[in-house]
Amino acid sequence: MTIAAASHQVEEHLLTPGEVATLFRVDPKTVTRWATAGRIGSIRTPGGHRRFRESEVQHLLSQLTTEAGEPARVE
């Protein structure tokens, strides 16, 4: 899924909670809890589902990556 910015012609790729959970190796419900707690930003679709900006997810993932290249678990 993509979203077009109103003032730009840039499309942002959006990820589902399941896709984000796979990247962080956590349960999708954990990703939803992070969003509720404000640890990661989310967008609501017209149907009420959460979506996450890929750029924000990748930025957070890069901050949490250990020297070994494995993602650190966030609780």
N, C-alpha and C. Protein backbone atom coordinates (compact mmCIF):
# COMPACT_ATOMS: atom_id res chain seq x y z
N MET A 1 0.85 -1.16 0.00
CA MET A 1 0.00 0.00 0.00
C MET A 1 0.90 1.23 0.00
N THR A 2 0.49 2.26 -0.71
CA THR A 2 1.23 3.51 -0.74
C THR A 2 0.30 4.67 -0.43
N ILE A 3 0.90 5.77 -0.01
CA ILE A 3 0.14 6.98 0.27
C ILE A 3 0.85 8.13 -0.41
N ALA A 4 0.11 8.96 -1.10
CA ALA A 4 0.70 10.12 -1.78
C ALA A 4 0.57 11.33 -0.88
N ALA A 5 1.67 12.04 -0.69
CA ALA A 5 1.65 13.27 0.11
C ALA A 5 0.96 14.36 -0.69
N ALA A 6 0.14 15.16 -0.02
CA ALA A 6 -0.65 16.18 -0.70
C ALA A 6 0.23 17.24 -1.36
N SER A 7 1.29 17.67 -0.68
CA SER A 7 2.12 18.73 -1.23
C SER A 7 3.27 18.20 -2.08
N HIS A 8 3.47 16.93 -2.10
CA HIS A 8 4.55 16.32 -2.86
C HIS A 8 3.98 15.25 -3.78
N GLN A 9 4.76 14.87 -4.76
CA GLN A 9 4.37 13.76 -5.62
C GLN A 9 5.11 12.50 -5.21
N VAL A 10 5.48 12.42 -3.94
CA VAL A 10 6.21 11.29 -3.39
C VAL A 10 5.21 10.30 -2.80
N GLU A 11 5.36 9.05 -3.13
CA GLU A 11 4.51 8.03 -2.55
C GLU A 11 5.28 7.29 -1.46
N GLU A 12 4.67 7.13 -0.31
CA GLU A 12 5.28 6.46 0.82
C GLU A 12 4.70 5.06 0.92
N HIS A 13 5.57 4.07 0.97
CA HIS A 13 5.11 2.69 1.11
C HIS A 13 4.68 2.46 2.56
N LEU A 14 3.52 1.85 2.74
CA LEU A 14 2.99 1.57 4.07
C LEU A 14 3.04 0.08 4.35
N LEU A 15 3.33 -0.26 5.59
CA LEU A 15 3.44 -1.65 6.01
C LEU A 15 2.31 -1.98 6.99
N THR A 16 1.90 -3.23 6.96
CA THR A 16 0.90 -3.72 7.90
C THR A 16 1.58 -4.06 9.23
N PRO A 17 0.81 -4.21 10.30
CA PRO A 17 1.42 -4.64 11.56
C PRO A 17 2.15 -5.98 11.42
N GLY A 18 1.63 -6.88 10.62
CA GLY A 18 2.29 -8.17 10.41
C GLY A 18 3.63 -8.03 9.72
N GLU A 19 3.71 -7.13 8.75
CA GLU A 19 4.98 -6.91 8.04
C GLU A 19 6.02 -6.29 8.97
N VAL A 20 5.58 -5.34 9.79
CA VAL A 20 6.50 -4.71 10.76
C VAL A 20 6.94 -5.75 11.79
N ALA A 21 6.02 -6.57 12.25
CA ALA A 21 6.34 -7.61 13.23
C ALA A 21 7.39 -8.57 12.69
N THR A 22 7.30 -8.91 11.42
CA THR A 22 8.28 -9.81 10.81
C THR A 22 9.66 -9.17 10.84
N LEU A 23 9.75 -7.89 10.53
CA LEU A 23 11.04 -7.20 10.53
C LEU A 23 11.67 -7.15 11.92
N PHE A 24 10.83 -6.96 12.94
CA PHE A 24 11.34 -6.86 14.31
C PHE A 24 11.34 -8.19 15.05
N ARG A 25 10.80 -9.22 14.41
CA ARG A 25 10.72 -10.56 15.01
C ARG A 25 9.92 -10.55 16.31
N VAL A 26 8.76 -9.92 16.24
CA VAL A 26 7.83 -9.87 17.36
C VAL A 26 6.43 -10.21 16.85
N ASP A 27 5.49 -10.34 17.75
CA ASP A 27 4.10 -10.60 17.39
C ASP A 27 3.45 -9.32 16.87
N PRO A 28 2.54 -9.41 15.90
CA PRO A 28 1.85 -8.21 15.40
C PRO A 28 1.15 -7.41 16.50
N LYS A 29 0.65 -8.07 17.54
CA LYS A 29 0.01 -7.35 18.64
C LYS A 29 1.01 -6.47 19.38
N THR A 30 2.27 -6.89 19.41
CA THR A 30 3.31 -6.07 20.04
C THR A 30 3.49 -4.78 19.26
N VAL A 31 3.48 -4.86 17.94
CA VAL A 31 3.61 -3.67 17.10
C VAL A 31 2.44 -2.72 17.36
N THR A 32 1.25 -3.26 17.49
CA THR A 32 0.08 -2.44 17.78
C THR A 32 0.22 -1.76 19.14
N ARG A 33 0.74 -2.48 20.13
CA ARG A 33 0.97 -1.88 21.45
C ARG A 33 1.99 -0.76 21.37
N TRP A 34 3.06 -0.95 20.58
CA TRP A 34 4.06 0.11 20.40
C TRP A 34 3.39 1.37 19.84
N ALA A 35 2.51 1.18 18.85
CA ALA A 35 1.83 2.33 18.24
C ALA A 35 0.93 3.02 19.25
N THR A 36 0.21 2.25 20.04
CA THR A 36 -0.67 2.82 21.06
C THR A 36 0.14 3.60 22.10
N ALA A 37 1.33 3.10 22.42
CA ALA A 37 2.20 3.75 23.41
C ALA A 37 3.00 4.91 22.82
N GLY A 38 2.93 5.10 21.50
CA GLY A 38 3.65 6.19 20.86
C GLY A 38 5.10 5.88 20.52
N ARG A 39 5.49 4.63 20.59
CA ARG A 39 6.87 4.24 20.27
C ARG A 39 7.13 4.23 18.77
N ILE A 40 6.07 4.09 17.99
CA ILE A 40 6.18 4.09 16.54
C ILE A 40 4.91 4.75 15.99
N GLY A 41 5.08 5.60 15.00
CA GLY A 41 3.93 6.29 14.42
C GLY A 41 3.13 5.38 13.51
N SER A 42 1.85 5.61 13.46
CA SER A 42 1.00 4.82 12.57
C SER A 42 -0.05 5.72 11.93
N ILE A 43 -0.60 5.21 10.85
CA ILE A 43 -1.66 5.88 10.10
C ILE A 43 -2.86 4.94 10.13
N ARG A 44 -4.04 5.50 10.24
CA ARG A 44 -5.26 4.68 10.18
C ARG A 44 -5.84 4.75 8.78
N THR A 45 -6.19 3.61 8.24
CA THR A 45 -6.85 3.56 6.94
C THR A 45 -8.31 3.99 7.14
N PRO A 46 -9.03 4.27 6.06
CA PRO A 46 -10.45 4.61 6.22
C PRO A 46 -11.24 3.51 6.93
N GLY A 47 -10.78 2.27 6.83
CA GLY A 47 -11.43 1.16 7.51
C GLY A 47 -11.00 0.98 8.95
N GLY A 48 -10.06 1.84 9.42
CA GLY A 48 -9.62 1.79 10.81
C GLY A 48 -8.40 0.93 11.09
N HIS A 49 -7.80 0.36 10.05
CA HIS A 49 -6.62 -0.48 10.23
C HIS A 49 -5.37 0.37 10.33
N ARG A 50 -4.41 -0.10 11.11
CA ARG A 50 -3.14 0.62 11.25
C ARG A 50 -2.20 0.27 10.10
N ARG A 51 -1.48 1.30 9.66
CA ARG A 51 -0.41 1.12 8.68
C ARG A 51 0.77 1.94 9.16
N PHE A 52 1.97 1.50 8.81
CA PHE A 52 3.19 2.12 9.28
C PHE A 52 4.04 2.55 8.10
N ARG A 53 4.59 3.76 8.17
CA ARG A 53 5.44 4.27 7.09
C ARG A 53 6.72 3.44 7.06
N GLU A 54 7.04 2.92 5.88
CA GLU A 54 8.23 2.09 5.74
C GLU A 54 9.49 2.85 6.13
N SER A 55 9.59 4.12 5.77
CA SER A 55 10.78 4.90 6.10
C SER A 55 10.97 5.02 7.61
N GLU A 56 9.89 5.21 8.35
CA GLU A 56 9.98 5.31 9.81
C GLU A 56 10.36 3.97 10.42
N VAL A 57 9.79 2.90 9.90
CA VAL A 57 10.11 1.56 10.39
C VAL A 57 11.58 1.25 10.14
N GLN A 58 12.06 1.54 8.93
CA GLN A 58 13.46 1.27 8.60
C GLN A 58 14.40 2.11 9.47
N HIS A 59 14.02 3.36 9.75
CA HIS A 59 14.84 4.21 10.61
C HIS A 59 14.92 3.62 12.02
N LEU A 60 13.79 3.23 12.58
CA LEU A 60 13.76 2.64 13.91
C LEU A 60 14.54 1.33 13.93
N LEU A 61 14.38 0.54 12.90
CA LEU A 61 15.10 -0.73 12.81
C LEU A 61 16.61 -0.50 12.77
N SER A 62 17.05 0.50 12.03
CA SER A 62 18.49 0.78 11.94
C SER A 62 19.03 1.27 13.28
N GLN A 63 18.22 1.98 14.05
CA GLN A 63 18.65 2.44 15.37
C GLN A 63 18.80 1.27 16.34
N LEU A 64 18.02 0.24 16.15
CA LEU A 64 18.01 -0.88 17.08
C LEU A 64 18.87 -2.06 16.64
N THR A 65 19.50 -1.94 15.49
CA THR A 65 20.31 -3.04 14.99
C THR A 65 21.61 -3.12 15.79
N THR A 66 21.94 -4.32 16.20
CA THR A 66 23.17 -4.52 16.96
C THR A 66 24.35 -4.59 16.01
N GLU A 67 25.55 -4.61 16.55
CA GLU A 67 26.75 -4.69 15.74
C GLU A 67 26.80 -5.97 14.92
N ALA A 68 26.19 -7.03 15.41
CA ALA A 68 26.19 -8.30 14.69
C ALA A 68 25.24 -8.29 13.50
N GLY A 69 24.48 -7.21 13.36
CA GLY A 69 23.55 -7.12 12.24
C GLY A 69 22.19 -7.72 12.52
N GLU A 70 21.98 -8.18 13.74
CA GLU A 70 20.69 -8.74 14.12
C GLU A 70 19.85 -7.65 14.78
N PRO A 71 18.56 -7.59 14.47
CA PRO A 71 17.72 -6.59 15.11
C PRO A 71 17.61 -6.87 16.61
N ALA A 72 17.70 -5.82 17.40
CA ALA A 72 17.51 -5.95 18.84
C ALA A 72 16.02 -6.06 19.12
N ARG A 73 15.66 -6.85 20.10
CA ARG A 73 14.24 -6.99 20.46
C ARG A 73 13.82 -5.80 21.30
N VAL A 74 12.68 -5.26 21.00
CA VAL A 74 12.12 -4.14 21.74
C VAL A 74 10.93 -4.66 22.50
N GLU A 75 10.89 -4.43 23.78
CA GLU A 75 9.78 -4.92 24.60
C GLU A 75 8.91 -3.79 25.04
